[in-house]
Every structure is written in structure tokens, then in C-alpha cells.
Amino acid sequence: DLAISVLIAFLWLVSTFVWAKALADIKVSTGASIIPGIQSCKAPGTACNFLSVTSMGILNVSVVFGLLNMILWAGNVWLIYKDTNLHN
């Protein structure tokens, strides 16, 4: 059914953008910018150093694949639309 396919493609698009936003928030929350907010790092005589964070490349790839999957869904919706009587 065309309506269900359109709905799924739309929900896939929305969920991809939500995941991309969540990934950006994860990167901010685990970056060097959090050190000034850590209470124990503010204690006198304490030095906090940010060494590194684990690579998040695979998470970036998951966002790209989500977007590519949405494009495939949109293509499927187009093909379903072309096969219905809605298209002349």
C-alpha cells in the first residue's frame, strides 16, 4: 500500500535525523569541553587532563547508512506510486 510505504519512508527519515542529533549530543557530552564542569576537577591542587575519546567513526557510518536506507525507501515509494492508478 502506498500510504504505508510513504509513512515508513517518512519515519525512517525522521529517525535518521534524530539519531544524527543524538550522535552529535554524545560527541559533545564526551568531549574535552566537559572537564570544566566536573566538580572534582575544580578542587585545589587537582589537574584534569583530557587524553582522548574512542573513535566514533562507525557511528557516523550508521547515520550515513540510515540516510541511504531512507533514499532506498523513497525510491520504492516512487516505484509503487508509478504502478498505481494515481499516476497517469
PDB file of N, CA and C in Angstrom:
ATOM      1  N   ASP A   1       0.839  -1.172   0.000  1.00  0.00           N
ATOM      2  CA  ASP A   1       0.000   0.000   0.000  1.00  0.00           C
ATOM      3  C   ASP A   1       0.894   1.250   0.000  1.00  0.00           C
ATOM      4  N   LEU A   2       0.513   2.210  -0.808  1.00  0.00           N
ATOM      5  CA  LEU A   2       1.314   3.420  -0.989  1.00  0.00           C
ATOM      6  C   LEU A   2       1.406   4.247   0.290  1.00  0.00           C
ATOM      7  N   ALA A   3       0.312   4.386   1.005  1.00  0.00           N
ATOM      8  CA  ALA A   3       0.305   5.216   2.217  1.00  0.00           C
ATOM      9  C   ALA A   3       1.240   4.649   3.281  1.00  0.00           C
ATOM     10  N   ILE A   4       1.259   3.353   3.433  1.00  0.00           N
ATOM     11  CA  ILE A   4       2.132   2.724   4.428  1.00  0.00           C
ATOM     12  C   ILE A   4       3.591   2.916   4.037  1.00  0.00           C
ATOM     13  N   SER A   5       3.899   2.771   2.749  1.00  0.00           N
ATOM     14  CA  SER A   5       5.278   2.955   2.295  1.00  0.00           C
ATOM     15  C   SER A   5       5.747   4.398   2.482  1.00  0.00           C
ATOM     16  N   VAL A   6       4.870   5.342   2.203  1.00  0.00           N
ATOM     17  CA  VAL A   6       5.207   6.758   2.423  1.00  0.00           C
ATOM     18  C   VAL A   6       5.445   7.016   3.902  1.00  0.00           C
ATOM     19  N   LEU A   7       4.590   6.464   4.745  1.00  0.00           N
ATOM     20  CA  LEU A   7       4.746   6.644   6.182  1.00  0.00           C
ATOM     21  C   LEU A   7       6.063   6.045   6.676  1.00  0.00           C
ATOM     22  N   ILE A   8       6.404   4.868   6.213  1.00  0.00           N
ATOM     23  CA  ILE A   8       7.654   4.231   6.631  1.00  0.00           C
ATOM     24  C   ILE A   8       8.854   5.049   6.165  1.00  0.00           C
ATOM     25  N   ALA A   9       8.821   5.529   4.920  1.00  0.00           N
ATOM     26  CA  ALA A   9       9.929   6.346   4.414  1.00  0.00           C
ATOM     27  C   ALA A   9      10.069   7.623   5.242  1.00  0.00           C
ATOM     28  N   PHE A  10       8.954   8.254   5.579  1.00  0.00           N
ATOM     29  CA  PHE A  10       8.994   9.466   6.393  1.00  0.00           C
ATOM     30  C   PHE A  10       9.539   9.179   7.790  1.00  0.00           C
ATOM     31  N   LEU A  11       9.060   8.110   8.411  1.00  0.00           N
ATOM     32  CA  LEU A  11       9.540   7.760   9.747  1.00  0.00           C
ATOM     33  C   LEU A  11      11.020   7.399   9.720  1.00  0.00           C
ATOM     34  N   TRP A  12      11.480   6.774   8.647  1.00  0.00           N
ATOM     35  CA  TRP A  12      12.903   6.445   8.533  1.00  0.00           C
ATOM     36  C   TRP A  12      13.724   7.722   8.439  1.00  0.00           C
ATOM     37  N   LEU A  13      13.234   8.697   7.682  1.00  0.00           N
ATOM     38  CA  LEU A  13      13.916   9.983   7.562  1.00  0.00           C
ATOM     39  C   LEU A  13      13.991  10.674   8.919  1.00  0.00           C
ATOM     40  N   VAL A  14      12.880  10.718   9.626  1.00  0.00           N
ATOM     41  CA  VAL A  14      12.849  11.360  10.943  1.00  0.00           C
ATOM     42  C   VAL A  14      13.783  10.649  11.915  1.00  0.00           C
ATOM     43  N   SER A  15      13.741   9.317  11.932  1.00  0.00           N
ATOM     44  CA  SER A  15      14.587   8.582  12.870  1.00  0.00           C
ATOM     45  C   SER A  15      16.068   8.754  12.532  1.00  0.00           C
ATOM     46  N   THR A  16      16.405   8.892  11.253  1.00  0.00           N
ATOM     47  CA  THR A  16      17.792   9.139  10.877  1.00  0.00           C
ATOM     48  C   THR A  16      18.258  10.484  11.409  1.00  0.00           C
ATOM     49  N   PHE A  17      17.423  11.513  11.282  1.00  0.00           N
ATOM     50  CA  PHE A  17      17.793  12.827  11.793  1.00  0.00           C
ATOM     51  C   PHE A  17      17.868  12.847  13.317  1.00  0.00           C
ATOM     52  N   VAL A  18      16.981  12.118  13.965  1.00  0.00           N
ATOM     53  CA  VAL A  18      17.022  12.035  15.426  1.00  0.00           C
ATOM     54  C   VAL A  18      18.298  11.333  15.876  1.00  0.00           C
ATOM     55  N   TRP A  19      18.679  10.257  15.201  1.00  0.00           N
ATOM     56  CA  TRP A  19      19.915   9.553  15.544  1.00  0.00           C
ATOM     57  C   TRP A  19      21.127  10.443  15.295  1.00  0.00           C
ATOM     58  N   ALA A  20      21.121  11.209  14.206  1.00  0.00           N
ATOM     59  CA  ALA A  20      22.233  12.121  13.927  1.00  0.00           C
ATOM     60  C   ALA A  20      22.353  13.180  15.024  1.00  0.00           C
ATOM     61  N   LYS A  21      21.230  13.704  15.488  1.00  0.00           N
ATOM     62  CA  LYS A  21      21.245  14.688  16.584  1.00  0.00           C
ATOM     63  C   LYS A  21      21.739  14.052  17.875  1.00  0.00           C
ATOM     64  N   ALA A  22      21.286  12.832  18.164  1.00  0.00           N
ATOM     65  CA  ALA A  22      21.737  12.135  19.372  1.00  0.00           C
ATOM     66  C   ALA A  22      23.238  11.868  19.306  1.00  0.00           C
ATOM     67  N   LEU A  23      23.736  11.512  18.143  1.00  0.00           N
ATOM     68  CA  LEU A  23      25.166  11.269  17.979  1.00  0.00           C
ATOM     69  C   LEU A  23      25.957  12.557  18.212  1.00  0.00           C
ATOM     70  N   ALA A  24      25.457  13.662  17.697  1.00  0.00           N
ATOM     71  CA  ALA A  24      26.127  14.944  17.942  1.00  0.00           C
ATOM     72  C   ALA A  24      26.142  15.264  19.435  1.00  0.00           C
ATOM     73  N   ASP A  25      25.039  14.991  20.126  1.00  0.00           N
ATOM     74  CA  ASP A  25      24.983  15.222  21.578  1.00  0.00           C
ATOM     75  C   ASP A  25      25.954  14.315  22.322  1.00  0.00           C
ATOM     76  N   ILE A  26      26.087  13.076  21.875  1.00  0.00           N
ATOM     77  CA  ILE A  26      27.035  12.147  22.504  1.00  0.00           C
ATOM     78  C   ILE A  26      28.454  12.676  22.350  1.00  0.00           C
ATOM     79  N   LYS A  27      28.768  13.177  21.171  1.00  0.00           N
ATOM     80  CA  LYS A  27      30.114  13.710  20.930  1.00  0.00           C
ATOM     81  C   LYS A  27      30.406  14.912  21.827  1.00  0.00           C
ATOM     82  N   VAL A  28      29.413  15.778  22.006  1.00  0.00           N
ATOM     83  CA  VAL A  28      29.603  16.946  22.875  1.00  0.00           C
ATOM     84  C   VAL A  28      29.732  16.506  24.330  1.00  0.00           C
ATOM     85  N   SER A  29      28.917  15.537  24.731  1.00  0.00           N
ATOM     86  CA  SER A  29      28.907  15.091  26.124  1.00  0.00           C
ATOM     87  C   SER A  29      30.144  14.313  26.528  1.00  0.00           C
ATOM     88  N   THR A  30      30.870  13.791  25.560  1.00  0.00           N
ATOM     89  CA  THR A  30      32.060  13.011  25.886  1.00  0.00           C
ATOM     90  C   THR A  30      33.343  13.699  25.427  1.00  0.00           C
ATOM     91  N   GLY A  31      33.254  14.950  25.041  1.00  0.00           N
ATOM     92  CA  GLY A  31      34.422  15.677  24.558  1.00  0.00           C
ATOM     93  C   GLY A  31      35.148  16.404  25.681  1.00  0.00           C
ATOM     94  N   ALA A  32      36.206  17.091  25.303  1.00  0.00           N
ATOM     95  CA  ALA A  32      37.049  17.801  26.271  1.00  0.00           C
ATOM     96  C   ALA A  32      36.315  18.960  26.946  1.00  0.00           C
ATOM     97  N   SER A  33      35.237  19.422  26.360  1.00  0.00           N
ATOM     98  CA  SER A  33      34.512  20.561  26.924  1.00  0.00           C
ATOM     99  C   SER A  33      33.822  20.242  28.253  1.00  0.00           C
ATOM    100  N   ILE A  34      33.750  18.978  28.643  1.00  0.00           N
ATOM    101  CA  ILE A  34      33.077  18.626  29.896  1.00  0.00           C
ATOM    102  C   ILE A  34      33.987  18.773  31.113  1.00  0.00           C
ATOM    103  N   ILE A  35      35.299  18.885  30.906  1.00  0.00           N
ATOM    104  CA  ILE A  35      36.237  18.931  32.036  1.00  0.00           C
ATOM    105  C   ILE A  35      35.967  20.099  32.983  1.00  0.00           C
ATOM    106  N   PRO A  36      35.719  21.311  32.477  1.00  0.00           N
ATOM    107  CA  PRO A  36      35.450  22.406  33.424  1.00  0.00           C
ATOM    108  C   PRO A  36      34.201  22.196  34.283  1.00  0.00           C
ATOM    109  N   GLY A  37      33.295  21.370  33.842  1.00  0.00           N
ATOM    110  CA  GLY A  37      32.074  21.131  34.600  1.00  0.00           C
ATOM    111  C   GLY A  37      32.176  20.032  35.631  1.00  0.00           C
ATOM    112  N   ILE A  38      33.273  19.296  35.655  1.00  0.00           N
ATOM    113  CA  ILE A  38      33.437  18.201  36.606  1.00  0.00           C
ATOM    114  C   ILE A  38      33.864  18.785  37.950  1.00  0.00           C
ATOM    115  N   GLN A  39      33.074  18.516  38.954  1.00  0.00           N
ATOM    116  CA  GLN A  39      33.285  19.121  40.276  1.00  0.00           C
ATOM    117  C   GLN A  39      34.649  18.735  40.872  1.00  0.00           C
ATOM    118  N   SER A  40      35.049  17.490  40.737  1.00  0.00           N
ATOM    119  CA  SER A  40      36.310  17.062  41.340  1.00  0.00           C
ATOM    120  C   SER A  40      37.521  17.689  40.646  1.00  0.00           C
ATOM    121  N   CYS A  41      37.356  18.148  39.425  1.00  0.00           N
ATOM    122  CA  CYS A  41      38.465  18.808  38.718  1.00  0.00           C
ATOM    123  C   CYS A  41      38.653  20.252  39.182  1.00  0.00           C
ATOM    124  N   LYS A  42      37.665  20.778  39.908  1.00  0.00           N
ATOM    125  CA  LYS A  42      37.746  22.147  40.389  1.00  0.00           C
ATOM    126  C   LYS A  42      38.458  22.250  41.736  1.00  0.00           C
ATOM    127  N   ALA A  43      38.738  21.109  42.353  1.00  0.00           N
ATOM    128  CA  ALA A  43      39.380  21.102  43.671  1.00  0.00           C
ATOM    129  C   ALA A  43      40.800  21.657  43.566  1.00  0.00           C
ATOM    130  N   PRO A  44      41.244  22.392  44.593  1.00  0.00           N
ATOM    131  CA  PRO A  44      42.604  22.938  44.568  1.00  0.00           C
ATOM    132  C   PRO A  44      43.642  21.814  44.512  1.00  0.00           C
ATOM    133  N   GLY A  45      44.651  22.017  43.707  1.00  0.00           N
ATOM    134  CA  GLY A  45      45.728  21.045  43.577  1.00  0.00           C
ATOM    135  C   GLY A  45      45.394  19.874  42.688  1.00  0.00           C
ATOM    136  N   THR A  46      44.267  19.922  42.023  1.00  0.00           N
ATOM    137  CA  THR A  46      43.852  18.840  41.142  1.00  0.00           C
ATOM    138  C   THR A  46      43.991  19.288  39.696  1.00  0.00           C
ATOM    139  N   ALA A  47      44.559  18.442  38.887  1.00  0.00           N
ATOM    140  CA  ALA A  47      44.680  18.724  37.457  1.00  0.00           C
ATOM    141  C   ALA A  47      43.997  17.611  36.675  1.00  0.00           C
ATOM    142  N   CYS A  48      43.068  17.970  35.838  1.00  0.00           N
ATOM    143  CA  CYS A  48      42.370  17.001  34.991  1.00  0.00           C
ATOM    144  C   CYS A  48      42.813  17.214  33.554  1.00  0.00           C
ATOM    145  N   ASN A  49      43.188  16.140  32.913  1.00  0.00           N
ATOM    146  CA  ASN A  49      43.625  16.191  31.523  1.00  0.00           C
ATOM    147  C   ASN A  49      42.720  15.319  30.672  1.00  0.00           C
ATOM    148  N   PHE A  50      42.420  15.807  29.502  1.00  0.00           N
ATOM    149  CA  PHE A  50      41.621  15.051  28.545  1.00  0.00           C
ATOM    150  C   PHE A  50      42.578  14.360  27.594  1.00  0.00           C
ATOM    151  N   LEU A  51      42.595  13.040  27.615  1.00  0.00           N
ATOM    152  CA  LEU A  51      43.510  12.298  26.761  1.00  0.00           C
ATOM    153  C   LEU A  51      42.917  12.062  25.378  1.00  0.00           C
ATOM    154  N   SER A  52      41.833  11.347  25.322  1.00  0.00           N
ATOM    155  CA  SER A  52      41.204  11.072  24.026  1.00  0.00           C
ATOM    156  C   SER A  52      39.824  10.477  24.261  1.00  0.00           C
ATOM    157  N   VAL A  53      39.107  10.357  23.197  1.00  0.00           N
ATOM    158  CA  VAL A  53      37.818   9.683  23.239  1.00  0.00           C
ATOM    159  C   VAL A  53      37.848   8.607  22.151  1.00  0.00           C
ATOM    160  N   THR A  54      37.145   7.551  22.374  1.00  0.00           N
ATOM    161  CA  THR A  54      37.100   6.469  21.405  1.00  0.00           C
ATOM    162  C   THR A  54      36.560   6.985  20.078  1.00  0.00           C
ATOM    163  N   SER A  55      37.104   6.473  19.003  1.00  0.00           N
ATOM    164  CA  SER A  55      36.663   6.879  17.670  1.00  0.00           C
ATOM    165  C   SER A  55      35.183   6.569  17.481  1.00  0.00           C
ATOM    166  N   MET A  56      34.472   7.510  16.942  1.00  0.00           N
ATOM    167  CA  MET A  56      33.043   7.327  16.696  1.00  0.00           C
ATOM    168  C   MET A  56      32.748   7.228  15.214  1.00  0.00           C
ATOM    169  N   GLY A  57      33.749   6.832  14.450  1.00  0.00           N
ATOM    170  CA  GLY A  57      33.574   6.721  13.003  1.00  0.00           C
ATOM    171  C   GLY A  57      32.484   5.758  12.605  1.00  0.00           C
ATOM    172  N   ILE A  58      32.384   4.638  13.308  1.00  0.00           N
ATOM    173  CA  ILE A  58      31.363   3.655  12.968  1.00  0.00           C
ATOM    174  C   ILE A  58      29.962   4.211  13.236  1.00  0.00           C
ATOM    175  N   LEU A  59      29.837   5.087  14.230  1.00  0.00           N
ATOM    176  CA  LEU A  59      28.541   5.720  14.485  1.00  0.00           C
ATOM    177  C   LEU A  59      28.189   6.698  13.372  1.00  0.00           C
ATOM    178  N   ASN A  60      29.198   7.416  12.871  1.00  0.00           N
ATOM    179  CA  ASN A  60      28.953   8.295  11.724  1.00  0.00           C
ATOM    180  C   ASN A  60      28.494   7.496  10.513  1.00  0.00           C
ATOM    181  N   VAL A  61      29.098   6.333  10.324  1.00  0.00           N
ATOM    182  CA  VAL A  61      28.711   5.466   9.210  1.00  0.00           C
ATOM    183  C   VAL A  61      27.261   5.014   9.378  1.00  0.00           C
ATOM    184  N   SER A  62      26.847   4.755  10.607  1.00  0.00           N
ATOM    185  CA  SER A  62      25.465   4.319  10.829  1.00  0.00           C
ATOM    186  C   SER A  62      24.471   5.408  10.433  1.00  0.00           C
ATOM    187  N   VAL A  63      24.821   6.670  10.643  1.00  0.00           N
ATOM    188  CA  VAL A  63      23.950   7.772  10.224  1.00  0.00           C
ATOM    189  C   VAL A  63      23.881   7.829   8.701  1.00  0.00           C
ATOM    190  N   VAL A  64      25.015   7.673   8.042  1.00  0.00           N
ATOM    191  CA  VAL A  64      25.046   7.700   6.578  1.00  0.00           C
ATOM    192  C   VAL A  64      24.226   6.545   6.004  1.00  0.00           C
ATOM    193  N   PHE A  65      24.385   5.347   6.566  1.00  0.00           N
ATOM    194  CA  PHE A  65      23.607   4.220   6.080  1.00  0.00           C
ATOM    195  C   PHE A  65      22.112   4.404   6.348  1.00  0.00           C
ATOM    196  N   GLY A  66      21.766   5.039   7.452  1.00  0.00           N
ATOM    197  CA  GLY A  66      20.360   5.342   7.709  1.00  0.00           C
ATOM    198  C   GLY A  66      19.787   6.261   6.651  1.00  0.00           C
ATOM    199  N   LEU A  67      20.553   7.263   6.262  1.00  0.00           N
ATOM    200  CA  LEU A  67      20.103   8.185   5.225  1.00  0.00           C
ATOM    201  C   LEU A  67      20.008   7.476   3.875  1.00  0.00           C
ATOM    202  N   LEU A  68      20.986   6.639   3.562  1.00  0.00           N
ATOM    203  CA  LEU A  68      20.928   5.882   2.305  1.00  0.00           C
ATOM    204  C   LEU A  68      19.732   4.932   2.289  1.00  0.00           C
ATOM    205  N   ASN A  69      19.430   4.329   3.426  1.00  0.00           N
ATOM    206  CA  ASN A  69      18.274   3.444   3.513  1.00  0.00           C
ATOM    207  C   ASN A  69      16.988   4.220   3.281  1.00  0.00           C
ATOM    208  N   MET A  70      16.915   5.440   3.806  1.00  0.00           N
ATOM    209  CA  MET A  70      15.732   6.266   3.581  1.00  0.00           C
ATOM    210  C   MET A  70      15.590   6.596   2.097  1.00  0.00           C
ATOM    211  N   ILE A  71      16.713   6.844   1.416  1.00  0.00           N
ATOM    212  CA  ILE A  71      16.666   7.123  -0.018  1.00  0.00           C
ATOM    213  C   ILE A  71      16.140   5.906  -0.779  1.00  0.00           C
ATOM    214  N   LEU A  72      16.554   4.703  -0.356  1.00  0.00           N
ATOM    215  CA  LEU A  72      16.030   3.490  -0.980  1.00  0.00           C
ATOM    216  C   LEU A  72      14.522   3.358  -0.761  1.00  0.00           C
ATOM    217  N   TRP A  73      14.065   3.675   0.451  1.00  0.00           N
ATOM    218  CA  TRP A  73      12.633   3.636   0.736  1.00  0.00           C
ATOM    219  C   TRP A  73      11.893   4.628  -0.140  1.00  0.00           C
ATOM    220  N   ALA A  74      12.453   5.833  -0.295  1.00  0.00           N
ATOM    221  CA  ALA A  74      11.809   6.838  -1.140  1.00  0.00           C
ATOM    222  C   ALA A  74      11.734   6.349  -2.588  1.00  0.00           C
ATOM    223  N   GLY A  75      12.783   5.684  -3.055  1.00  0.00           N
ATOM    224  CA  GLY A  75      12.752   5.113  -4.398  1.00  0.00           C
ATOM    225  C   GLY A  75      11.682   4.047  -4.529  1.00  0.00           C
ATOM    226  N   ASN A  76      11.537   3.238  -3.493  1.00  0.00           N
ATOM    227  CA  ASN A  76      10.475   2.214  -3.505  1.00  0.00           C
ATOM    228  C   ASN A  76       9.099   2.859  -3.530  1.00  0.00           C
ATOM    229  N   VAL A  77       8.928   3.931  -2.782  1.00  0.00           N
ATOM    230  CA  VAL A  77       7.644   4.641  -2.781  1.00  0.00           C
ATOM    231  C   VAL A  77       7.353   5.167  -4.180  1.00  0.00           C
ATOM    232  N   TRP A  78       8.367   5.707  -4.841  1.00  0.00           N
ATOM    233  CA  TRP A  78       8.182   6.219  -6.196  1.00  0.00           C
ATOM    234  C   TRP A  78       7.756   5.093  -7.142  1.00  0.00           C
ATOM    235  N   LEU A  79       8.398   3.942  -7.032  1.00  0.00           N
ATOM    236  CA  LEU A  79       8.038   2.829  -7.903  1.00  0.00           C
ATOM    237  C   LEU A  79       6.620   2.325  -7.618  1.00  0.00           C
ATOM    238  N   ILE A  80       6.247   2.285  -6.348  1.00  0.00           N
ATOM    239  CA  ILE A  80       4.874   1.884  -6.014  1.00  0.00           C
ATOM    240  C   ILE A  80       3.886   2.896  -6.573  1.00  0.00           C
ATOM    241  N   TYR A  81       4.204   4.174  -6.442  1.00  0.00           N
ATOM    242  CA  TYR A  81       3.342   5.231  -6.969  1.00  0.00           C
ATOM    243  C   TYR A  81       3.172   5.081  -8.480  1.00  0.00           C
ATOM    244  N   LYS A  82       4.266   4.762  -9.172  1.00  0.00           N
ATOM    245  CA  LYS A  82       4.198   4.619 -10.629  1.00  0.00           C
ATOM    246  C   LYS A  82       3.329   3.424 -11.039  1.00  0.00           C
ATOM    247  N   ASP A  83       3.237   2.413 -10.178  1.00  0.00           N
ATOM    248  CA  ASP A  83       2.456   1.222 -10.500  1.00  0.00           C
ATOM    249  C   ASP A  83       0.984   1.324 -10.103  1.00  0.00           C
ATOM    250  N   THR A  84       0.606   2.407  -9.444  1.00  0.00           N
ATOM    251  CA  THR A  84      -0.792   2.566  -9.038  1.00  0.00           C
ATOM    252  C   THR A  84      -1.556   3.384 -10.066  1.00  0.00           C
ATOM    253  N   ASN A  85      -2.854   3.449  -9.883  1.00  0.00           N
ATOM    254  CA  ASN A  85      -3.676   4.255 -10.784  1.00  0.00           C
ATOM    255  C   ASN A  85      -3.626   5.751 -10.432  1.00  0.00           C
ATOM    256  N   LEU A  86      -2.856   6.117  -9.412  1.00  0.00           N
ATOM    257  CA  LEU A  86      -2.696   7.538  -9.067  1.00  0.00           C
ATOM    258  C   LEU A  86      -1.829   8.260 -10.095  1.00  0.00           C
ATOM    259  N   HIS A  87      -1.010   7.487 -10.799  1.00  0.00           N
ATOM    260  CA  HIS A  87      -0.109   8.037 -11.800  1.00  0.00           C
ATOM    261  C   HIS A  87      -0.698   7.785 -13.196  1.00  0.00           C
ATOM    262  N   ASN A  88      -0.723   8.815 -14.017  1.00  0.00           N
ATOM    263  CA  ASN A  88      -1.299   8.642 -15.360  1.00  0.00           C
ATOM    264  C   ASN A  88      -0.275   8.090 -16.318  1.00  0.00           C
TER     265      ASN A  88
END
